[in-house]
Amino acid sequence: MMWSVVPEDWLCPPVAVVVERVLNQVRPGSLIVLHDGVRGGSQAAEVVRRLIPALGEQGFDFVRLPLSGNLPSCRGN
């Protein structure tokens, strides 16, 4: 699976900018990528804390993706 929303959070913009970028890019079925680590990760929790209610207000639901071991093979098996 690949993401479809990339807010460039690794560049460490303010939290409000990351949230705005996600809200501008998200569509039904979107997969949002956020980085947690040395680059961009210090704000990930705050971004998520703001995004979940904002996306919920727009009518989005959140689903758990299957574990990678349960994904179909690209080899056609």
C-alpha atoms as a PDB file:
ATOM      1  CA  MET A   1       0.000   0.000   0.000  1.00  0.00           C
ATOM      2  CA  MET A   2       1.160   3.480  -0.756  1.00  0.00           C
ATOM      3  CA  TRP A   3       0.112   6.753   0.750  1.00  0.00           C
ATOM      4  CA  SER A   4      -1.905   9.366  -1.102  1.00  0.00           C
ATOM      5  CA  VAL A   5      -1.539  12.329   1.281  1.00  0.00           C
ATOM      6  CA  VAL A   6       1.978  13.630   1.883  1.00  0.00           C
ATOM      7  CA  PRO A   7       2.061  16.829   3.960  1.00  0.00           C
ATOM      8  CA  GLU A   8       5.886  17.084   3.862  1.00  0.00           C
ATOM      9  CA  ASP A   9       6.050  16.966   7.650  1.00  0.00           C
ATOM     10  CA  TRP A  10       9.709  15.884   7.502  1.00  0.00           C
ATOM     11  CA  LEU A  11      10.524  19.505   6.622  1.00  0.00           C
ATOM     12  CA  CYS A  12       9.241  20.443  10.119  1.00  0.00           C
ATOM     13  CA  PRO A  13       6.685  23.118   9.236  1.00  0.00           C
ATOM     14  CA  PRO A  14       4.402  24.315  12.043  1.00  0.00           C
ATOM     15  CA  VAL A  15       1.737  21.835  13.177  1.00  0.00           C
ATOM     16  CA  ALA A  16      -1.044  24.030  11.771  1.00  0.00           C
ATOM     17  CA  VAL A  17       0.593  23.913   8.324  1.00  0.00           C
ATOM     18  CA  VAL A  18       0.814  20.108   8.350  1.00  0.00           C
ATOM     19  CA  VAL A  19      -2.833  19.856   9.420  1.00  0.00           C
ATOM     20  CA  GLU A  20      -3.905  22.293   6.699  1.00  0.00           C
ATOM     21  CA  ARG A  21      -1.957  20.366   4.055  1.00  0.00           C
ATOM     22  CA  VAL A  22      -3.618  17.101   5.055  1.00  0.00           C
ATOM     23  CA  LEU A  23      -7.082  18.651   5.080  1.00  0.00           C
ATOM     24  CA  ASN A  24      -6.473  20.112   1.610  1.00  0.00           C
ATOM     25  CA  GLN A  25      -5.248  16.811   0.128  1.00  0.00           C
ATOM     26  CA  VAL A  26      -7.460  14.206   1.798  1.00  0.00           C
ATOM     27  CA  ARG A  27     -10.176  12.443  -0.202  1.00  0.00           C
ATOM     28  CA  PRO A  28     -12.292   9.367   0.526  1.00  0.00           C
ATOM     29  CA  GLY A  29      -9.940   6.381   0.658  1.00  0.00           C
ATOM     30  CA  SER A  30      -6.823   8.455   1.312  1.00  0.00           C
ATOM     31  CA  LEU A  31      -3.837   7.039   3.158  1.00  0.00           C
ATOM     32  CA  ILE A  32      -2.033   9.740   5.113  1.00  0.00           C
ATOM     33  CA  VAL A  33       1.702   9.425   5.754  1.00  0.00           C
ATOM     34  CA  LEU A  34       3.209  11.147   8.787  1.00  0.00           C
ATOM     35  CA  HIS A  35       6.788  10.717   9.896  1.00  0.00           C
ATOM     36  CA  ASP A  36       7.772   9.871  13.444  1.00  0.00           C
ATOM     37  CA  GLY A  37      11.444  10.032  14.138  1.00  0.00           C
ATOM     38  CA  VAL A  38      14.346  12.381  14.139  1.00  0.00           C
ATOM     39  CA  ARG A  39      13.038  14.343  11.143  1.00  0.00           C
ATOM     40  CA  GLY A  40       9.440  15.473  11.469  1.00  0.00           C
ATOM     41  CA  GLY A  41       8.426  13.172  14.274  1.00  0.00           C
ATOM     42  CA  SER A  42       8.499  15.576  17.163  1.00  0.00           C
ATOM     43  CA  GLN A  43       5.148  17.011  16.087  1.00  0.00           C
ATOM     44  CA  ALA A  44       3.403  13.863  14.820  1.00  0.00           C
ATOM     45  CA  ALA A  45       1.351  13.299  17.987  1.00  0.00           C
ATOM     46  CA  GLU A  46       0.077  16.883  17.993  1.00  0.00           C
ATOM     47  CA  VAL A  47      -0.750  16.705  14.277  1.00  0.00           C
ATOM     48  CA  VAL A  48      -2.776  13.527  14.840  1.00  0.00           C
ATOM     49  CA  ARG A  49      -4.472  15.017  17.920  1.00  0.00           C
ATOM     50  CA  ARG A  50      -5.750  17.867  15.725  1.00  0.00           C
ATOM     51  CA  LEU A  51      -6.424  15.851  12.577  1.00  0.00           C
ATOM     52  CA  ILE A  52      -8.679  13.145  14.001  1.00  0.00           C
ATOM     53  CA  PRO A  53     -11.438  15.498  15.171  1.00  0.00           C
ATOM     54  CA  ALA A  54     -11.092  17.738  12.097  1.00  0.00           C
ATOM     55  CA  LEU A  55     -11.423  14.794   9.723  1.00  0.00           C
ATOM     56  CA  GLY A  56     -14.284  13.366  11.781  1.00  0.00           C
ATOM     57  CA  GLU A  57     -16.134  16.684  11.456  1.00  0.00           C
ATOM     58  CA  GLN A  58     -15.773  16.367   7.681  1.00  0.00           C
ATOM     59  CA  GLY A  59     -17.419  12.940   7.794  1.00  0.00           C
ATOM     60  CA  PHE A  60     -14.315  10.780   7.457  1.00  0.00           C
ATOM     61  CA  ASP A  61     -14.095   7.435   9.223  1.00  0.00           C
ATOM     62  CA  PHE A  62     -10.919   5.666  10.249  1.00  0.00           C
ATOM     63  CA  VAL A  63     -10.255   2.017   9.521  1.00  0.00           C
ATOM     64  CA  ARG A  64      -7.510  -0.357  10.520  1.00  0.00           C
ATOM     65  CA  LEU A  65      -5.491  -1.662   7.604  1.00  0.00           C
ATOM     66  CA  PRO A  66      -4.746  -5.382   7.461  1.00  0.00           C
ATOM     67  CA  LEU A  67      -1.381  -6.571   8.699  1.00  0.00           C
ATOM     68  CA  SER A  68       1.181  -6.768   5.932  1.00  0.00           C
ATOM     69  CA  GLY A  69       1.273 -10.568   6.122  1.00  0.00           C
ATOM     70  CA  ASN A  70      -2.396 -10.651   5.113  1.00  0.00           C
ATOM     71  CA  LEU A  71      -2.060  -8.519   2.001  1.00  0.00           C
ATOM     72  CA  PRO A  72      -2.413 -10.111  -1.420  1.00  0.00           C
ATOM     73  CA  SER A  73       0.783 -10.970  -3.220  1.00  0.00           C
ATOM     74  CA  CYS A  74       1.934  -8.905  -6.182  1.00  0.00           C
ATOM     75  CA  ARG A  75       2.995 -12.178  -7.875  1.00  0.00           C
ATOM     76  CA  GLY A  76      -0.598 -13.155  -8.582  1.00  0.00           C
ATOM     77  CA  ASN A  77      -0.551 -16.097  -6.153  1.00  0.00           C
END
